[in-house]
Amino acid sequence: MTAPATDPIFQPLRINGLTLKNRVVRSSMGGRVDYYDGSMSEARIAWERRFAKGGVSAIISSNVGIRTDGIAVPGYASIDDDRTIPSWRRLIDEVHRYDCRYIIQLHFSGRQRDLPRKEFVGIHPPSATDRPDLLYGLRCRRMTIPEIHDVVRAYAQAARRARAAGADGIEIVACNGYLLHQFLSSAINDRRDEYNGDLRTRARILLDVLAAVRAEVGRDFFVSMKLSGRDEHNAYMAPFVRRVGNTIDDTMQLSRWLAEAGLDAIHLSQGDSFPHPLVPAGLLPADDSRYSLAGLFYEGTRVPLTFFLMQFAVLRRIFEWNWGRRMPFKQRGRLLPEKIEGMNQGDAAKLKAASGLPVICVGGWQTASRIRAALEAGHCDVVSVARGLLANPDMVQRFGQGQDAPERPCTYCNKCLVNALLQPLACWEESRFANRDQMFEEAYRIYKEAAVGPASEQAGVGSRAI
């Protein structure tokens, strides 16, 4: 790296027991590269290696199931049993070879389940509510109080395993419509017990989880939580439904409680479901989406009709138009990339001021000057990147060499997102490649590395942009 010593992107940062060599981390993304039972594959190790080699200071894992009934999609490594510890340790040791930290993201899907494991087909997942979601109509059942206590204990045990495996920290998912967010959101939680009533009671399970985790891992282990800043756009695909949800003021108050309870950092996201026009912000590639809907066909009550309508090109264009039409990054159906990059930094600054905690901000980052500006303004302490690094795994190295933006940046087309249920997680925007064959070569690279071993340090994935 040849970055100036004063470049804010390359200033080290220490948060509790976690030391970051720069201010760019890879956000959670993973793809279905592991085995069906939640054990880890060689492809997972090859996948994480490519980003560690690319120069990020830390990798936040893909969502890691704390229990088998809370896995959103089979094919992701889990941490539901002590038998998983050795494989996580091996992965973390590999990432550490590149002076990169590894944070395990602890996850429980609740009703936000895309594909159930075979043993849970037809069994409604546990949730804060028994109402289906607005987008897919995903079914669920209201949890009992003893079931809530069991989930809290499962988070704590998963955190213990993460520390035993040598992880540099954990991140607790409480955003994007997953289980903890289902309790937190006033637009979702309709309980009539001690886990609903006002913001404090809706936040009770988050605070219980944090306390249980701290009891297992101690105070010197990095613990962050990923939150949705606001839910006001929760009914974006259901215009006749009015459920306001949490506001940024609610999340600011929550951040104060979490800071008092011993949280180390907040990772800011948006929206009450995944996917959502605010996360990942960008286009809805309806032509690709119609195939991925097949995987959700029997999970959601609204999916069969949507799947049928998506078979007609004119209706697919309507879906594309409706997706994000009320969001600030679209104007007359045209995407405004400059409105996407850094779109959450205003809310990040509010949470940082309210809580006093370091804030990791997601938001389409892929330009060094924009990242520097956000850091210099104090809007956030770290930026997290997913799609931008999927498109250019060596982006941070290029920033260090003085390049402001990738030559072939992410287009925010979201083809990676809508293909992820059935295809490898990869960039599927053909215009970014010299030809179609190169696109498939990059998509399958980690599988080849898993079979024959990584390329040399001189010719690895991290040494070239795609």
Foldseek 3Di string as FASTA:
>chain_A
DQADPPQQQQPWDDFQQDIFRGFEEAEEDAFLAQDQVQAGALLRLLVLLLLLLLDGREYEYHEAELDQLFDQAGRHHHQVDLVRLQVLLVSQVSSVVSNHAYAYEYAGAFQQHQFHRPVCVPPAGEALDQFAADPFQFGHHYDDPVVLVVVLLSLQVSLLSCVVSPHQAYEYECEAQGHLVLLQKPLRRPDDDQSDDDNCSSCVSVLSSLLSNCVRPPLSGAYEYEYAQAAQCACLVPVVDGRRIGHNVSVLVVLQVVLVSRHAEYEYAHHNHPPACRVQPAWDPLVLLLVLLVSRCPRRPRSVVVNVQSVDPVSSVVVRCSGCVVPPQDDPSDGNLVCQAPVCLQSLQSSCVSHVHAYEYETQDFFSVVVSVSCVVVSGSHYHHHQQCLQFSNSVVVVSVVDGGDPQGDPRNCSLPSCSNPAQRGDPPQVSDPGPVVRVCSSCVSVVCSVVNADDSCPGSSNDGD
